[in-house]
C-alpha atoms as a PDB file:
ATOM      1  CA  MET A   1       0.000   0.000   0.000  1.00  0.00           C
ATOM      2  CA  ALA A   2       1.462   3.343  -1.056  1.00  0.00           C
ATOM      3  CA  MET A   3       1.195   6.242   1.382  1.00  0.00           C
ATOM      4  CA  SER A   4       2.123   9.832   0.641  1.00  0.00           C
ATOM      5  CA  PHE A   5       3.734  12.041   3.236  1.00  0.00           C
ATOM      6  CA  ASP A   6       2.016  15.314   4.118  1.00  0.00           C
ATOM      7  CA  PRO A   7       4.081  17.166   6.753  1.00  0.00           C
ATOM      8  CA  PHE A   8       1.180  19.423   7.767  1.00  0.00           C
ATOM      9  CA  SER A   9      -1.228  16.562   8.405  1.00  0.00           C
ATOM     10  CA  GLN A  10       1.479  14.774  10.384  1.00  0.00           C
ATOM     11  CA  LEU A  11       1.991  17.947  12.446  1.00  0.00           C
ATOM     12  CA  ASP A  12      -1.770  18.217  13.049  1.00  0.00           C
ATOM     13  CA  ARG A  13      -1.904  14.605  14.224  1.00  0.00           C
ATOM     14  CA  PHE A  14       1.087  15.083  16.498  1.00  0.00           C
ATOM     15  CA  ALA A  15      -0.413  18.257  18.031  1.00  0.00           C
ATOM     16  CA  ALA A  16      -3.752  16.517  18.525  1.00  0.00           C
ATOM     17  CA  SER A  17      -2.103  13.565  20.247  1.00  0.00           C
ATOM     18  CA  VAL A  18      -0.053  15.814  22.553  1.00  0.00           C
ATOM     19  CA  LEU A  19      -2.876  18.233  23.379  1.00  0.00           C
ATOM     20  CA  ASP A  20      -5.617  15.599  23.566  1.00  0.00           C
ATOM     21  CA  ALA A  21      -6.853  15.282  27.130  1.00  0.00           C
ATOM     22  CA  LYS A  22      -8.086  11.722  27.541  1.00  0.00           C
ATOM     23  CA  ALA A  23     -10.561  12.795  30.237  1.00  0.00           C
ATOM     24  CA  SER A  24     -12.352  15.372  28.083  1.00  0.00           C
ATOM     25  CA  PRO A  25     -15.421  14.245  26.097  1.00  0.00           C
ATOM     26  CA  ARG A  26     -15.168  13.970  22.335  1.00  0.00           C
ATOM     27  CA  PHE A  27     -17.287  15.893  19.840  1.00  0.00           C
ATOM     28  CA  MET A  28     -20.468  14.121  18.710  1.00  0.00           C
ATOM     29  CA  PRO A  29     -21.803  15.402  15.357  1.00  0.00           C
ATOM     30  CA  VAL A  30     -25.594  15.747  15.276  1.00  0.00           C
ATOM     31  CA  ASP A  31     -28.373  16.807  12.918  1.00  0.00           C
ATOM     32  CA  LEU A  32     -31.468  18.456  14.401  1.00  0.00           C
ATOM     33  CA  HIS A  33     -34.702  19.199  12.549  1.00  0.00           C
ATOM     34  CA  ARG A  34     -38.443  19.458  13.062  1.00  0.00           C
ATOM     35  CA  SER A  35     -40.694  17.001  11.282  1.00  0.00           C
ATOM     36  CA  GLY A  36     -44.404  17.558  11.897  1.00  0.00           C
ATOM     37  CA  ASP A  37     -45.084  17.398  15.625  1.00  0.00           C
ATOM     38  CA  HIS A  38     -41.591  16.158  16.590  1.00  0.00           C
ATOM     39  CA  TYR A  39     -38.062  17.438  16.797  1.00  0.00           C
ATOM     40  CA  VAL A  40     -35.574  14.830  15.576  1.00  0.00           C
ATOM     41  CA  VAL A  41     -31.963  14.538  16.760  1.00  0.00           C
ATOM     42  CA  ASN A  42     -29.674  12.187  14.819  1.00  0.00           C
ATOM     43  CA  ALA A  43     -26.244  11.694  16.427  1.00  0.00           C
ATOM     44  CA  ASP A  44     -23.376   9.869  14.720  1.00  0.00           C
ATOM     45  CA  LEU A  45     -21.829   7.290  17.050  1.00  0.00           C
ATOM     46  CA  PRO A  46     -20.127   4.774  14.744  1.00  0.00           C
ATOM     47  CA  GLY A  47     -18.537   1.842  16.528  1.00  0.00           C
ATOM     48  CA  VAL A  48     -20.169   2.702  19.855  1.00  0.00           C
ATOM     49  CA  ASP A  49     -21.656  -0.181  21.832  1.00  0.00           C
ATOM     50  CA  PRO A  50     -25.405   0.564  22.268  1.00  0.00           C
ATOM     51  CA  GLY A  51     -25.102  -0.495  25.909  1.00  0.00           C
ATOM     52  CA  SER A  52     -22.751   2.436  26.577  1.00  0.00           C
ATOM     53  CA  VAL A  53     -25.210   5.041  25.236  1.00  0.00           C
ATOM     54  CA  ASP A  54     -27.135   7.011  27.867  1.00  0.00           C
ATOM     55  CA  VAL A  55     -29.864   9.563  27.098  1.00  0.00           C
ATOM     56  CA  ASP A  56     -31.499  11.465  29.954  1.00  0.00           C
ATOM     57  CA  VAL A  57     -33.540  14.587  30.631  1.00  0.00           C
ATOM     58  CA  ASP A  58     -33.001  16.720  33.718  1.00  0.00           C
ATOM     59  CA  GLY A  59     -35.483  19.588  33.782  1.00  0.00           C
ATOM     60  CA  GLN A  60     -35.264  21.047  30.286  1.00  0.00           C
ATOM     61  CA  VAL A  61     -31.752  19.719  29.465  1.00  0.00           C
ATOM     62  CA  LEU A  62     -31.339  16.649  27.236  1.00  0.00           C
ATOM     63  CA  THR A  63     -27.975  14.912  27.731  1.00  0.00           C
ATOM     64  CA  ILE A  64     -26.441  12.264  25.473  1.00  0.00           C
ATOM     65  CA  ARG A  65     -23.449  10.276  26.745  1.00  0.00           C
ATOM     66  CA  ALA A  66     -21.592   7.438  25.018  1.00  0.00           C
ATOM     67  CA  GLU A  67     -18.308   5.558  25.274  1.00  0.00           C
ATOM     68  CA  ARG A  68     -16.255   4.103  22.441  1.00  0.00           C
ATOM     69  CA  THR A  69     -13.542   1.798  23.733  1.00  0.00           C
ATOM     70  CA  ALA A  70     -10.365   1.089  21.822  1.00  0.00           C
ATOM     71  CA  PRO A  71      -9.734  -2.537  20.893  1.00  0.00           C
ATOM     72  CA  GLU A  72      -6.942  -4.379  22.675  1.00  0.00           C
ATOM     73  CA  THR A  73      -3.922  -4.151  20.368  1.00  0.00           C
ATOM     74  CA  SER A  74      -0.831  -5.362  22.205  1.00  0.00           C
ATOM     75  CA  GLY A  75       2.111  -6.074  19.941  1.00  0.00           C
ATOM     76  CA  VAL A  76       0.765  -3.921  17.083  1.00  0.00           C
ATOM     77  CA  THR A  77       2.835  -1.278  15.282  1.00  0.00           C
ATOM     78  CA  TRP A  78       0.482   1.506  14.197  1.00  0.00           C
ATOM     79  CA  LEU A  79       0.983   3.091  10.783  1.00  0.00           C
ATOM     80  CA  SER A  80      -1.984   5.397  11.204  1.00  0.00           C
ATOM     81  CA  ARG A  81      -4.464   5.751  14.071  1.00  0.00           C
ATOM     82  CA  GLU A  82      -7.063   8.431  13.449  1.00  0.00           C
ATOM     83  CA  ARG A  83     -10.301   7.000  14.860  1.00  0.00           C
ATOM     84  CA  PRO A  84     -11.187   8.668  18.174  1.00  0.00           C
ATOM     85  CA  TYR A  85     -11.918   6.603  21.280  1.00  0.00           C
ATOM     86  CA  GLY A  86     -13.216   7.691  24.637  1.00  0.00           C
ATOM     87  CA  SER A  87     -16.241   9.522  26.009  1.00  0.00           C
ATOM     88  CA  TYR A  88     -18.748  11.483  23.954  1.00  0.00           C
ATOM     89  CA  LEU A  89     -21.097  14.100  25.400  1.00  0.00           C
ATOM     90  CA  ARG A  90     -23.724  16.500  23.994  1.00  0.00           C
ATOM     91  CA  GLN A  91     -26.331  18.573  25.812  1.00  0.00           C
ATOM     92  CA  PHE A  92     -29.348  20.431  24.456  1.00  0.00           C
ATOM     93  CA  SER A  93     -31.641  22.963  26.099  1.00  0.00           C
ATOM     94  CA  LEU A  94     -35.173  21.849  25.217  1.00  0.00           C
ATOM     95  CA  GLY A  95     -37.198  24.944  26.037  1.00  0.00           C
ATOM     96  CA  GLU A  96     -40.798  24.972  27.206  1.00  0.00           C
ATOM     97  CA  GLY A  97     -42.543  23.766  24.040  1.00  0.00           C
ATOM     98  CA  VAL A  98     -41.689  20.050  24.197  1.00  0.00           C
ATOM     99  CA  ASP A  99     -43.246  17.055  25.930  1.00  0.00           C
ATOM    100  CA  VAL A 100     -40.294  15.640  27.913  1.00  0.00           C
ATOM    101  CA  GLU A 101     -42.397  12.708  29.190  1.00  0.00           C
ATOM    102  CA  ARG A 102     -42.782  11.232  25.674  1.00  0.00           C
ATOM    103  CA  ILE A 103     -39.186  11.447  24.352  1.00  0.00           C
ATOM    104  CA  THR A 104     -38.043   8.219  22.662  1.00  0.00           C
ATOM    105  CA  ALA A 105     -34.651   7.038  21.370  1.00  0.00           C
ATOM    106  CA  SER A 106     -33.385   4.287  19.061  1.00  0.00           C
ATOM    107  CA  TYR A 107     -29.934   3.219  17.847  1.00  0.00           C
ATOM    108  CA  GLU A 108     -29.316   1.693  14.423  1.00  0.00           C
ATOM    109  CA  ASN A 109     -26.197   1.386  12.240  1.00  0.00           C
ATOM    110  CA  GLY A 110     -24.169   3.750  14.432  1.00  0.00           C
ATOM    111  CA  VAL A 111     -26.812   6.506  14.477  1.00  0.00           C
ATOM    112  CA  LEU A 112     -28.696   7.455  17.639  1.00  0.00           C
ATOM    113  CA  SER A 113     -32.133   8.902  16.781  1.00  0.00           C
ATOM    114  CA  ILE A 114     -34.108  10.812  19.405  1.00  0.00           C
ATOM    115  CA  LEU A 115     -37.723  11.895  18.818  1.00  0.00           C
ATOM    116  CA  ILE A 116     -38.823  14.849  20.942  1.00  0.00           C
ATOM    117  CA  PRO A 117     -42.573  15.520  20.682  1.00  0.00           C
ATOM    118  CA  VAL A 118     -43.905  19.071  20.630  1.00  0.00           C
ATOM    119  CA  SER A 119     -46.264  19.663  23.575  1.00  0.00           C
ATOM    120  CA  GLU A 120     -49.978  20.113  22.868  1.00  0.00           C
ATOM    121  CA  ARG A 121     -49.959  23.700  24.114  1.00  0.00           C
ATOM    122  CA  ALA A 122     -47.104  24.612  21.744  1.00  0.00           C
ATOM    123  CA  LYS A 123     -48.792  23.217  18.614  1.00  0.00           C
ATOM    124  CA  PRO A 124     -50.381  25.680  16.194  1.00  0.00           C
ATOM    125  CA  ARG A 125     -54.151  25.917  16.510  1.00  0.00           C
ATOM    126  CA  LYS A 126     -57.034  27.717  14.824  1.00  0.00           C
ATOM    127  CA  ILE A 127     -58.880  30.477  16.669  1.00  0.00           C
ATOM    128  CA  GLN A 128     -62.615  30.586  15.984  1.00  0.00           C
ATOM    129  CA  ILE A 129     -63.863  33.936  14.754  1.00  0.00           C
ATOM    130  CA  THR A 130     -67.440  34.959  15.577  1.00  0.00           C
ATOM    131  CA  GLU A 131     -69.404  37.309  13.373  1.00  0.00           C
ATOM    132  CA  ARG A 132     -70.681  40.499  15.000  1.00  0.00           C
ATOM    133  CA  GLY A 133     -74.311  41.333  14.594  1.00  0.00           C
ATOM    134  CA  SER A 134     -75.403  37.699  14.488  1.00  0.00           C
ATOM    135  CA  ASN A 135     -77.438  35.926  17.173  1.00  0.00           C
ATOM    136  CA  THR A 136     -74.247  34.183  18.419  1.00  0.00           C
ATOM    137  CA  GLU A 137     -72.341  37.431  18.993  1.00  0.00           C
ATOM    138  CA  GLN A 138     -70.009  37.346  21.958  1.00  0.00           C
ATOM    139  CA  PRO A 139     -69.878  40.335  24.345  1.00  0.00           C
ATOM    140  CA  ARG A 140     -67.169  42.843  23.522  1.00  0.00           C
ATOM    141  CA  LEU A 141     -64.234  42.696  25.887  1.00  0.00           C
ATOM    142  CA  ASN A 142     -63.279  46.349  25.501  1.00  0.00           C
ATOM    143  CA  ALA A 143     -66.694  47.822  26.440  1.00  0.00           C
ATOM    144  CA  THR A 144     -66.659  50.463  29.171  1.00  0.00           C
ATOM    145  CA  PRO A 145     -68.941  50.031  32.220  1.00  0.00           C
ATOM    146  CA  SER A 146     -71.112  53.003  31.207  1.00  0.00           C
ATOM    147  CA  ALA A 147     -71.558  51.669  27.662  1.00  0.00           C
ATOM    148  CA  ALA A 148     -72.520  48.237  29.023  1.00  0.00           C
ATOM    149  CA  ALA A 149     -75.117  49.839  31.368  1.00  0.00           C
ATOM    150  CA  ALA A 150     -76.568  51.912  28.520  1.00  0.00           C
ATOM    151  CA  ALA A 151     -76.941  48.818  26.351  1.00  0.00           C
ATOM    152  CA  SER A 152     -79.097  47.019  28.945  1.00  0.00           C
END
């Protein structure tokens, strides 16, 4: 296998290996969109054991944690080692318009999918308009007390 030498990429890898704090969580790329009455979070976690994935809600904060462990490789001489191992962490502020009791999550082919339903009170709704002058007219809210007394 032929490999080309790029001194800048080698320098980047060296700096990353020296500056990489093993205790700090790794970056977890996510996509977030709204589809109908749900928000959808898709997080890339390739090679992560589903048993190590933890999703929880505390108040209005959604937290995703995962762990990707490195395989045991004693006696191996690495030519290139670029795949990150360790802890992954992402947190999202949910706001008031979601139903935290009905959040669901699934994991398939290295992608964690979380469905966050929009709460009933945050969904768009139609406001009924009544016609004035009809028999079903509602009392006016901005009438003054003297005008209401004169009308009766």
